[in-house]
C-alpha atoms as a PDB file:
ATOM      1  CA  UNK A   1      32.874  26.908  90.411  1.00  0.00           C
ATOM      2  CA  UNK A   2      29.170  27.634  90.072  1.00  0.00           C
ATOM      3  CA  UNK A   3      28.334  29.954  87.181  1.00  0.00           C
ATOM      4  CA  UNK A   4      25.370  32.244  87.830  1.00  0.00           C
ATOM      5  CA  UNK A   5      23.321  32.856  84.709  1.00  0.00           C
ATOM      6  CA  UNK A   6      20.552  35.375  84.181  1.00  0.00           C
ATOM      7  CA  UNK A   7      17.180  33.647  83.826  1.00  0.00           C
ATOM      8  CA  UNK A   8      15.159  34.432  80.708  1.00  0.00           C
ATOM      9  CA  UNK A   9      12.003  33.434  78.902  1.00  0.00           C
ATOM     10  CA  UNK A  10      12.891  32.084  75.463  1.00  0.00           C
ATOM     11  CA  UNK A  11      10.234  32.722  72.805  1.00  0.00           C
ATOM     12  CA  UNK A  12      10.709  31.132  69.392  1.00  0.00           C
ATOM     13  CA  UNK A  13       8.936  32.517  66.341  1.00  0.00           C
ATOM     14  CA  UNK A  14       9.200  35.947  67.965  1.00  0.00           C
ATOM     15  CA  UNK A  15       9.163  38.070  64.803  1.00  0.00           C
ATOM     16  CA  UNK A  16       5.402  38.100  64.149  1.00  0.00           C
ATOM     17  CA  UNK A  17       1.957  36.890  65.171  1.00  0.00           C
ATOM     18  CA  UNK A  18       1.461  34.991  68.390  1.00  0.00           C
ATOM     19  CA  UNK A  19       5.189  35.077  69.177  1.00  0.00           C
ATOM     20  CA  UNK A  20       5.239  38.876  69.295  1.00  0.00           C
ATOM     21  CA  UNK A  21       2.241  38.949  71.622  1.00  0.00           C
ATOM     22  CA  UNK A  22       3.729  36.278  73.881  1.00  0.00           C
ATOM     23  CA  UNK A  23       6.912  38.340  74.167  1.00  0.00           C
ATOM     24  CA  UNK A  24       4.951  41.504  74.953  1.00  0.00           C
ATOM     25  CA  UNK A  25       2.884  39.869  77.664  1.00  0.00           C
ATOM     26  CA  UNK A  26       5.845  38.074  79.253  1.00  0.00           C
ATOM     27  CA  UNK A  27       7.828  41.342  79.274  1.00  0.00           C
ATOM     28  CA  UNK A  28       4.863  43.107  80.881  1.00  0.00           C
ATOM     29  CA  UNK A  29       4.980  40.445  83.603  1.00  0.00           C
ATOM     30  CA  UNK A  30       8.642  41.282  84.241  1.00  0.00           C
ATOM     31  CA  UNK A  31      10.450  38.501  82.388  1.00  0.00           C
ATOM     32  CA  UNK A  32      13.770  39.149  80.695  1.00  0.00           C
ATOM     33  CA  UNK A  33      13.608  37.683  77.213  1.00  0.00           C
ATOM     34  CA  UNK A  34      15.559  35.760  74.604  1.00  0.00           C
ATOM     35  CA  UNK A  35      13.855  36.117  71.230  1.00  0.00           C
ATOM     36  CA  UNK A  36      14.525  33.666  68.408  1.00  0.00           C
ATOM     37  CA  UNK A  37      13.374  33.779  64.790  1.00  0.00           C
ATOM     38  CA  UNK A  38      14.749  34.075  61.282  1.00  0.00           C
ATOM     39  CA  UNK A  39      13.913  37.771  60.760  1.00  0.00           C
ATOM     40  CA  UNK A  40      16.336  39.800  62.849  1.00  0.00           C
ATOM     41  CA  UNK A  41      15.092  43.277  61.857  1.00  0.00           C
ATOM     42  CA  UNK A  42      11.581  42.574  63.134  1.00  0.00           C
ATOM     43  CA  UNK A  43      12.942  41.217  66.408  1.00  0.00           C
ATOM     44  CA  UNK A  44      15.123  44.317  66.819  1.00  0.00           C
ATOM     45  CA  UNK A  45      12.029  46.514  66.527  1.00  0.00           C
ATOM     46  CA  UNK A  46      10.189  44.399  69.078  1.00  0.00           C
ATOM     47  CA  UNK A  47      13.179  44.358  71.452  1.00  0.00           C
ATOM     48  CA  UNK A  48      13.425  48.158  71.377  1.00  0.00           C
ATOM     49  CA  UNK A  49       9.719  48.404  72.215  1.00  0.00           C
ATOM     50  CA  UNK A  50       9.967  45.947  75.117  1.00  0.00           C
ATOM     51  CA  UNK A  51      13.053  47.556  76.635  1.00  0.00           C
ATOM     52  CA  UNK A  52      11.440  50.984  76.404  1.00  0.00           C
ATOM     53  CA  UNK A  53       8.038  49.978  77.755  1.00  0.00           C
ATOM     54  CA  UNK A  54       8.997  47.421  80.408  1.00  0.00           C
ATOM     55  CA  UNK A  55      12.672  47.996  81.309  1.00  0.00           C
ATOM     56  CA  UNK A  56      13.548  44.340  80.707  1.00  0.00           C
ATOM     57  CA  UNK A  57      16.634  42.805  79.147  1.00  0.00           C
ATOM     58  CA  UNK A  58      15.996  41.448  75.657  1.00  0.00           C
ATOM     59  CA  UNK A  59      18.535  39.378  73.733  1.00  0.00           C
ATOM     60  CA  UNK A  60      18.028  38.445  70.072  1.00  0.00           C
ATOM     61  CA  UNK A  61      19.116  35.214  68.385  1.00  0.00           C
ATOM     62  CA  UNK A  62      18.723  34.694  64.664  1.00  0.00           C
ATOM     63  CA  UNK A  63      17.700  31.075  64.204  1.00  0.00           C
ATOM     64  CA  UNK A  64      16.163  28.909  61.486  1.00  0.00           C
ATOM     65  CA  UNK A  65      14.494  26.152  63.467  1.00  0.00           C
ATOM     66  CA  UNK A  66      13.650  24.287  60.290  1.00  0.00           C
ATOM     67  CA  UNK A  67      17.304  23.280  60.132  1.00  0.00           C
ATOM     68  CA  UNK A  68      18.508  20.063  61.758  1.00  0.00           C
ATOM     69  CA  UNK A  69      20.405  20.790  64.971  1.00  0.00           C
ATOM     70  CA  UNK A  70      19.158  24.371  65.196  1.00  0.00           C
ATOM     71  CA  UNK A  71      17.675  23.787  68.650  1.00  0.00           C
ATOM     72  CA  UNK A  72      21.014  22.697  70.098  1.00  0.00           C
ATOM     73  CA  UNK A  73      22.802  25.564  68.365  1.00  0.00           C
ATOM     74  CA  UNK A  74      20.320  28.096  69.751  1.00  0.00           C
ATOM     75  CA  UNK A  75      20.619  26.675  73.269  1.00  0.00           C
ATOM     76  CA  UNK A  76      24.425  26.852  73.099  1.00  0.00           C
ATOM     77  CA  UNK A  77      24.404  30.491  71.982  1.00  0.00           C
ATOM     78  CA  UNK A  78      21.988  31.424  74.753  1.00  0.00           C
ATOM     79  CA  UNK A  79      24.261  29.763  77.329  1.00  0.00           C
ATOM     80  CA  UNK A  80      27.306  31.501  75.838  1.00  0.00           C
ATOM     81  CA  UNK A  81      25.492  34.815  76.388  1.00  0.00           C
ATOM     82  CA  UNK A  82      25.325  34.062  80.126  1.00  0.00           C
ATOM     83  CA  UNK A  83      21.619  33.225  80.068  1.00  0.00           C
ATOM     84  CA  UNK A  84      19.580  30.305  81.355  1.00  0.00           C
ATOM     85  CA  UNK A  85      16.116  29.485  80.061  1.00  0.00           C
ATOM     86  CA  UNK A  86      13.643  29.286  82.931  1.00  0.00           C
ATOM     87  CA  UNK A  87      10.553  29.742  80.735  1.00  0.00           C
ATOM     88  CA  UNK A  88      10.580  28.031  77.335  1.00  0.00           C
ATOM     89  CA  UNK A  89       7.952  28.960  74.750  1.00  0.00           C
ATOM     90  CA  UNK A  90       8.009  26.728  71.672  1.00  0.00           C
ATOM     91  CA  UNK A  91       5.944  28.847  69.315  1.00  0.00           C
ATOM     92  CA  UNK A  92       7.651  28.962  65.893  1.00  0.00           C
ATOM     93  CA  UNK A  93       5.477  27.515  63.167  1.00  0.00           C
ATOM     94  CA  UNK A  94       4.735  27.321  59.457  1.00  0.00           C
ATOM     95  CA  UNK A  95       3.373  24.812  56.997  1.00  0.00           C
ATOM     96  CA  UNK A  96       3.440  23.786  53.348  1.00  0.00           C
ATOM     97  CA  UNK A  97       0.135  23.964  51.487  1.00  0.00           C
ATOM     98  CA  UNK A  98      -0.152  21.190  48.932  1.00  0.00           C
ATOM     99  CA  UNK A  99       0.094  17.438  48.559  1.00  0.00           C
ATOM    100  CA  UNK A 100       3.065  15.526  49.919  1.00  0.00           C
ATOM    101  CA  UNK A 101       4.930  15.161  46.605  1.00  0.00           C
ATOM    102  CA  UNK A 102       4.385  18.796  45.650  1.00  0.00           C
ATOM    103  CA  UNK A 103       7.428  19.550  47.822  1.00  0.00           C
ATOM    104  CA  UNK A 104      10.866  18.010  48.162  1.00  0.00           C
ATOM    105  CA  UNK A 105      11.689  15.661  50.996  1.00  0.00           C
ATOM    106  CA  UNK A 106      13.998  18.351  52.373  1.00  0.00           C
ATOM    107  CA  UNK A 107      11.131  20.865  52.490  1.00  0.00           C
ATOM    108  CA  UNK A 108       8.865  18.418  54.317  1.00  0.00           C
ATOM    109  CA  UNK A 109      11.605  17.480  56.785  1.00  0.00           C
ATOM    110  CA  UNK A 110      12.239  21.169  57.454  1.00  0.00           C
ATOM    111  CA  UNK A 111       8.619  21.573  58.593  1.00  0.00           C
ATOM    112  CA  UNK A 112       8.935  18.536  60.867  1.00  0.00           C
ATOM    113  CA  UNK A 113      12.140  20.000  62.324  1.00  0.00           C
ATOM    114  CA  UNK A 114      10.409  23.331  62.906  1.00  0.00           C
ATOM    115  CA  UNK A 115       7.234  21.975  64.483  1.00  0.00           C
ATOM    116  CA  UNK A 116       8.454  18.913  66.358  1.00  0.00           C
ATOM    117  CA  UNK A 117      12.144  17.965  66.316  1.00  0.00           C
ATOM    118  CA  UNK A 118      13.730  21.243  67.413  1.00  0.00           C
ATOM    119  CA  UNK A 119      10.990  21.997  69.988  1.00  0.00           C
ATOM    120  CA  UNK A 120      11.640  18.542  71.473  1.00  0.00           C
ATOM    121  CA  UNK A 121      15.393  19.221  71.405  1.00  0.00           C
ATOM    122  CA  UNK A 122      14.975  22.554  73.187  1.00  0.00           C
ATOM    123  CA  UNK A 123      12.826  20.899  75.840  1.00  0.00           C
ATOM    124  CA  UNK A 124      15.473  18.209  76.361  1.00  0.00           C
ATOM    125  CA  UNK A 125      18.244  20.797  76.700  1.00  0.00           C
ATOM    126  CA  UNK A 126      16.384  23.305  78.896  1.00  0.00           C
ATOM    127  CA  UNK A 127      14.751  20.816  81.256  1.00  0.00           C
ATOM    128  CA  UNK A 128      17.846  19.837  83.311  1.00  0.00           C
ATOM    129  CA  UNK A 129      18.456  23.443  84.385  1.00  0.00           C
ATOM    130  CA  UNK A 130      14.833  23.844  85.411  1.00  0.00           C
ATOM    131  CA  UNK A 131      14.897  20.607  87.395  1.00  0.00           C
ATOM    132  CA  UNK A 132      18.101  21.684  89.136  1.00  0.00           C
ATOM    133  CA  UNK A 133      16.495  25.006  90.067  1.00  0.00           C
ATOM    134  CA  UNK A 134      13.271  23.276  91.141  1.00  0.00           C
ATOM    135  CA  UNK A 135      11.149  25.585  88.978  1.00  0.00           C
ATOM    136  CA  UNK A 136      10.447  26.444  85.375  1.00  0.00           C
ATOM    137  CA  UNK A 137       7.808  26.528  82.660  1.00  0.00           C
ATOM    138  CA  UNK A 138       7.600  24.805  79.300  1.00  0.00           C
ATOM    139  CA  UNK A 139       4.824  26.220  77.137  1.00  0.00           C
ATOM    140  CA  UNK A 140       4.137  24.924  73.640  1.00  0.00           C
ATOM    141  CA  UNK A 141       1.834  26.605  71.140  1.00  0.00           C
ATOM    142  CA  UNK A 142       0.326  23.684  69.286  1.00  0.00           C
ATOM    143  CA  UNK A 143      -2.820  23.612  67.141  1.00  0.00           C
ATOM    144  CA  UNK A 144      -6.181  21.955  66.802  1.00  0.00           C
ATOM    145  CA  UNK A 145      -4.392  20.241  63.919  1.00  0.00           C
ATOM    146  CA  UNK A 146      -2.904  17.940  66.568  1.00  0.00           C
ATOM    147  CA  UNK A 147      -6.306  16.268  66.860  1.00  0.00           C
ATOM    148  CA  UNK A 148      -6.990  15.736  63.144  1.00  0.00           C
ATOM    149  CA  UNK A 149      -6.502  12.033  62.312  1.00  0.00           C
ATOM    150  CA  UNK A 150      -5.408  13.015  58.794  1.00  0.00           C
ATOM    151  CA  UNK A 151      -4.958  16.319  56.988  1.00  0.00           C
ATOM    152  CA  UNK A 152      -4.540  16.144  53.201  1.00  0.00           C
ATOM    153  CA  UNK A 153      -3.107  19.389  51.882  1.00  0.00           C
ATOM    154  CA  UNK A 154      -0.785  20.096  54.833  1.00  0.00           C
ATOM    155  CA  UNK A 155       0.418  16.548  55.178  1.00  0.00           C
ATOM    156  CA  UNK A 156       3.054  16.579  57.950  1.00  0.00           C
ATOM    157  CA  UNK A 157       1.510  19.379  60.017  1.00  0.00           C
ATOM    158  CA  UNK A 158      -1.038  17.402  62.041  1.00  0.00           C
ATOM    159  CA  UNK A 159       1.396  14.651  63.028  1.00  0.00           C
ATOM    160  CA  UNK A 160       4.078  17.129  64.083  1.00  0.00           C
ATOM    161  CA  UNK A 161       1.617  19.093  66.214  1.00  0.00           C
ATOM    162  CA  UNK A 162       0.330  15.875  67.798  1.00  0.00           C
ATOM    163  CA  UNK A 163       3.876  14.944  68.794  1.00  0.00           C
ATOM    164  CA  UNK A 164       4.446  18.096  70.848  1.00  0.00           C
ATOM    165  CA  UNK A 165       1.065  17.830  72.602  1.00  0.00           C
ATOM    166  CA  UNK A 166       1.727  14.208  73.543  1.00  0.00           C
ATOM    167  CA  UNK A 167       5.306  15.017  74.542  1.00  0.00           C
ATOM    168  CA  UNK A 168       3.999  17.744  76.848  1.00  0.00           C
ATOM    169  CA  UNK A 169       1.663  15.259  78.506  1.00  0.00           C
ATOM    170  CA  UNK A 170       4.447  12.711  78.871  1.00  0.00           C
ATOM    171  CA  UNK A 171       6.956  15.147  80.357  1.00  0.00           C
ATOM    172  CA  UNK A 172       4.348  16.273  82.860  1.00  0.00           C
ATOM    173  CA  UNK A 173       3.864  12.645  83.931  1.00  0.00           C
ATOM    174  CA  UNK A 174       7.617  12.133  84.239  1.00  0.00           C
ATOM    175  CA  UNK A 175       8.750  15.462  85.734  1.00  0.00           C
ATOM    176  CA  UNK A 176       5.688  17.487  86.733  1.00  0.00           C
ATOM    177  CA  UNK A 177       6.156  16.696  90.412  1.00  0.00           C
ATOM    178  CA  UNK A 178       9.577  18.381  90.446  1.00  0.00           C
ATOM    179  CA  UNK A 179       8.557  22.024  90.162  1.00  0.00           C
ATOM    180  CA  UNK A 180       8.398  22.366  86.360  1.00  0.00           C
ATOM    181  CA  UNK A 181       5.107  23.293  84.684  1.00  0.00           C
ATOM    182  CA  UNK A 182       4.300  21.768  81.292  1.00  0.00           C
ATOM    183  CA  UNK A 183       1.514  23.255  79.204  1.00  0.00           C
ATOM    184  CA  UNK A 184       0.360  23.051  75.576  1.00  0.00           C
ATOM    185  CA  UNK A 185      -2.053  25.590  74.115  1.00  0.00           C
ATOM    186  CA  UNK A 186      -4.340  24.525  71.282  1.00  0.00           C
ATOM    187  CA  UNK A 187      -5.677  27.377  69.123  1.00  0.00           C
ATOM    188  CA  UNK A 188      -7.717  26.884  65.962  1.00  0.00           C
ATOM    189  CA  UNK A 189      -7.955  29.808  63.544  1.00  0.00           C
ATOM    190  CA  UNK A 190      -5.794  32.784  64.555  1.00  0.00           C
ATOM    191  CA  UNK A 191      -5.415  35.959  62.521  1.00  0.00           C
ATOM    192  CA  UNK A 192      -1.707  35.673  61.718  1.00  0.00           C
ATOM    193  CA  UNK A 193       0.478  35.381  58.611  1.00  0.00           C
ATOM    194  CA  UNK A 194      -0.230  31.636  58.766  1.00  0.00           C
ATOM    195  CA  UNK A 195      -3.518  32.415  57.013  1.00  0.00           C
ATOM    196  CA  UNK A 196      -1.876  34.297  54.151  1.00  0.00           C
ATOM    197  CA  UNK A 197      -2.208  31.573  51.536  1.00  0.00           C
ATOM    198  CA  UNK A 198      -4.877  31.423  48.811  1.00  0.00           C
ATOM    199  CA  UNK A 199      -6.580  28.321  50.212  1.00  0.00           C
ATOM    200  CA  UNK A 200      -6.477  29.427  53.833  1.00  0.00           C
ATOM    201  CA  UNK A 201      -7.920  32.844  52.984  1.00  0.00           C
ATOM    202  CA  UNK A 202     -10.693  31.120  51.034  1.00  0.00           C
ATOM    203  CA  UNK A 203     -11.508  28.910  54.020  1.00  0.00           C
ATOM    204  CA  UNK A 204     -11.382  31.773  56.513  1.00  0.00           C
ATOM    205  CA  UNK A 205     -13.634  33.845  54.285  1.00  0.00           C
ATOM    206  CA  UNK A 206     -16.425  31.317  54.886  1.00  0.00           C
ATOM    207  CA  UNK A 207     -16.011  31.353  58.668  1.00  0.00           C
ATOM    208  CA  UNK A 208     -17.845  33.656  61.096  1.00  0.00           C
ATOM    209  CA  UNK A 209     -15.607  36.285  62.681  1.00  0.00           C
ATOM    210  CA  UNK A 210     -16.334  34.822  66.116  1.00  0.00           C
ATOM    211  CA  UNK A 211     -14.294  31.742  65.182  1.00  0.00           C
ATOM    212  CA  UNK A 212     -11.169  33.753  64.338  1.00  0.00           C
ATOM    213  CA  UNK A 213      -9.068  34.745  67.345  1.00  0.00           C
ATOM    214  CA  UNK A 214      -6.497  37.500  67.659  1.00  0.00           C
ATOM    215  CA  UNK A 215      -2.848  36.725  68.462  1.00  0.00           C
ATOM    216  CA  UNK A 216      -3.220  38.822  71.624  1.00  0.00           C
ATOM    217  CA  UNK A 217      -6.083  36.639  72.841  1.00  0.00           C
ATOM    218  CA  UNK A 218      -4.307  33.369  72.095  1.00  0.00           C
ATOM    219  CA  UNK A 219      -1.130  34.565  73.837  1.00  0.00           C
ATOM    220  CA  UNK A 220      -3.114  35.659  76.890  1.00  0.00           C
ATOM    221  CA  UNK A 221      -4.891  32.309  77.135  1.00  0.00           C
ATOM    222  CA  UNK A 222      -1.607  30.434  76.723  1.00  0.00           C
ATOM    223  CA  UNK A 223       0.256  32.349  79.433  1.00  0.00           C
ATOM    224  CA  UNK A 224      -2.705  32.140  81.819  1.00  0.00           C
ATOM    225  CA  UNK A 225      -3.018  28.403  81.181  1.00  0.00           C
ATOM    226  CA  UNK A 226       0.634  27.841  82.018  1.00  0.00           C
ATOM    227  CA  UNK A 227       0.393  30.057  85.112  1.00  0.00           C
ATOM    228  CA  UNK A 228      -2.492  27.944  86.386  1.00  0.00           C
ATOM    229  CA  UNK A 229      -0.853  24.631  85.517  1.00  0.00           C
ATOM    230  CA  UNK A 230      -3.270  23.622  82.766  1.00  0.00           C
ATOM    231  CA  UNK A 231      -1.673  20.743  80.889  1.00  0.00           C
ATOM    232  CA  UNK A 232      -3.652  21.226  77.657  1.00  0.00           C
ATOM    233  CA  UNK A 233      -5.326  24.588  77.172  1.00  0.00           C
ATOM    234  CA  UNK A 234      -7.918  24.977  74.416  1.00  0.00           C
ATOM    235  CA  UNK A 235      -8.545  28.573  73.391  1.00  0.00           C
ATOM    236  CA  UNK A 236     -12.329  28.241  73.096  1.00  0.00           C
ATOM    237  CA  UNK A 237     -15.168  25.862  74.015  1.00  0.00           C
ATOM    238  CA  UNK A 238     -15.640  25.158  70.290  1.00  0.00           C
ATOM    239  CA  UNK A 239     -12.030  23.987  70.043  1.00  0.00           C
ATOM    240  CA  UNK A 240     -12.599  21.581  72.902  1.00  0.00           C
ATOM    241  CA  UNK A 241     -15.704  20.140  71.223  1.00  0.00           C
ATOM    242  CA  UNK A 242     -13.973  19.830  67.846  1.00  0.00           C
ATOM    243  CA  UNK A 243     -10.958  18.126  69.437  1.00  0.00           C
ATOM    244  CA  UNK A 244     -13.262  15.540  70.996  1.00  0.00           C
ATOM    245  CA  UNK A 245     -15.077  14.913  67.730  1.00  0.00           C
ATOM    246  CA  UNK A 246     -11.900  14.639  65.696  1.00  0.00           C
ATOM    247  CA  UNK A 247     -10.440  11.976  67.966  1.00  0.00           C
ATOM    248  CA  UNK A 248     -13.392   9.639  67.301  1.00  0.00           C
ATOM    249  CA  UNK A 249     -14.179  10.381  63.641  1.00  0.00           C
ATOM    250  CA  UNK A 250     -12.888   7.846  61.080  1.00  0.00           C
ATOM    251  CA  UNK A 251      -9.768   9.182  59.335  1.00  0.00           C
ATOM    252  CA  UNK A 252     -11.137   8.362  55.877  1.00  0.00           C
ATOM    253  CA  UNK A 253     -14.262  10.411  56.570  1.00  0.00           C
ATOM    254  CA  UNK A 254     -12.164  13.341  57.794  1.00  0.00           C
ATOM    255  CA  UNK A 255      -9.949  13.112  54.731  1.00  0.00           C
ATOM    256  CA  UNK A 256     -12.916  13.117  52.353  1.00  0.00           C
ATOM    257  CA  UNK A 257     -14.432  16.113  54.138  1.00  0.00           C
ATOM    258  CA  UNK A 258     -11.205  18.092  53.814  1.00  0.00           C
ATOM    259  CA  UNK A 259     -10.922  17.271  50.126  1.00  0.00           C
ATOM    260  CA  UNK A 260     -14.565  18.142  49.476  1.00  0.00           C
ATOM    261  CA  UNK A 261     -15.080  21.252  51.582  1.00  0.00           C
ATOM    262  CA  UNK A 262     -11.644  22.746  52.262  1.00  0.00           C
ATOM    263  CA  UNK A 263     -10.156  22.271  48.763  1.00  0.00           C
ATOM    264  CA  UNK A 264      -6.828  21.168  50.237  1.00  0.00           C
ATOM    265  CA  UNK A 265      -4.851  18.339  48.661  1.00  0.00           C
ATOM    266  CA  UNK A 266      -7.109  18.126  45.600  1.00  0.00           C
ATOM    267  CA  UNK A 267      -5.652  16.990  42.289  1.00  0.00           C
ATOM    268  CA  UNK A 268      -7.036  19.934  40.337  1.00  0.00           C
ATOM    269  CA  UNK A 269      -5.391  22.550  42.571  1.00  0.00           C
ATOM    270  CA  UNK A 270      -1.806  21.316  42.467  1.00  0.00           C
ATOM    271  CA  UNK A 271       0.831  20.898  39.805  1.00  0.00           C
ATOM    272  CA  UNK A 272       2.357  17.793  41.413  1.00  0.00           C
ATOM    273  CA  UNK A 273       5.741  18.579  39.955  1.00  0.00           C
ATOM    274  CA  UNK A 274       7.315  15.749  41.957  1.00  0.00           C
ATOM    275  CA  UNK A 275       4.951  12.955  40.983  1.00  0.00           C
ATOM    276  CA  UNK A 276       6.815  10.429  38.815  1.00  0.00           C
ATOM    277  CA  UNK A 277       5.418  10.101  35.299  1.00  0.00           C
END
């Protein structure tokens, strides 16, 4: 017997920042939503707003995507609720500011799970239903960090972001002819809670306001890019130029520049509690 499920757009990291704006704009376009994040109270507030303003169905799923297997668990609970993901937005993100050994292996692995492993798992689990329906969208919010050849101070971030951009390209090559749209959006500096660390605020304080984008703007660019089938969508011409430069610059030079000018990963700014004596 065929089970009919209600199609939804799943937005991860939907409790703040870009995730909130993505949910608002998708609801305004008429999508029913499944929201996933750790902070349930904030999602409840957002869900009430979206139901009131747009008359859409909104389901909430508390989920810590830094945990191994959280993607599969989230997908199962969505299916158990009678829903099918027809528009997947992998947006949840965070980072650890400091050198690699300033954090436990478990903390570093949690960031990799959040940024790369669980997004890849959700794509693997949601894709068959989209292919069966002959339509669907997979949108990933990545970062210009995906193009940095090395990034001392947020050590696993750049590699994890590069994985999801390259996975998006690969899935488009393998399945893009079957009705599913794959798109990755690459913002640089966005005014979200991601910037609320001492070093990031120091860096942003030196930047012109024109380089700092709002979550609303990034969300709008991302959704428009997916709607028009753009495989990789940079959020500004400057981002596109920087991405090109970063792919050809020697990693050692990039690393030295970060240490010298961005103050990230420097010995004198970290306690290095996990460095063996």
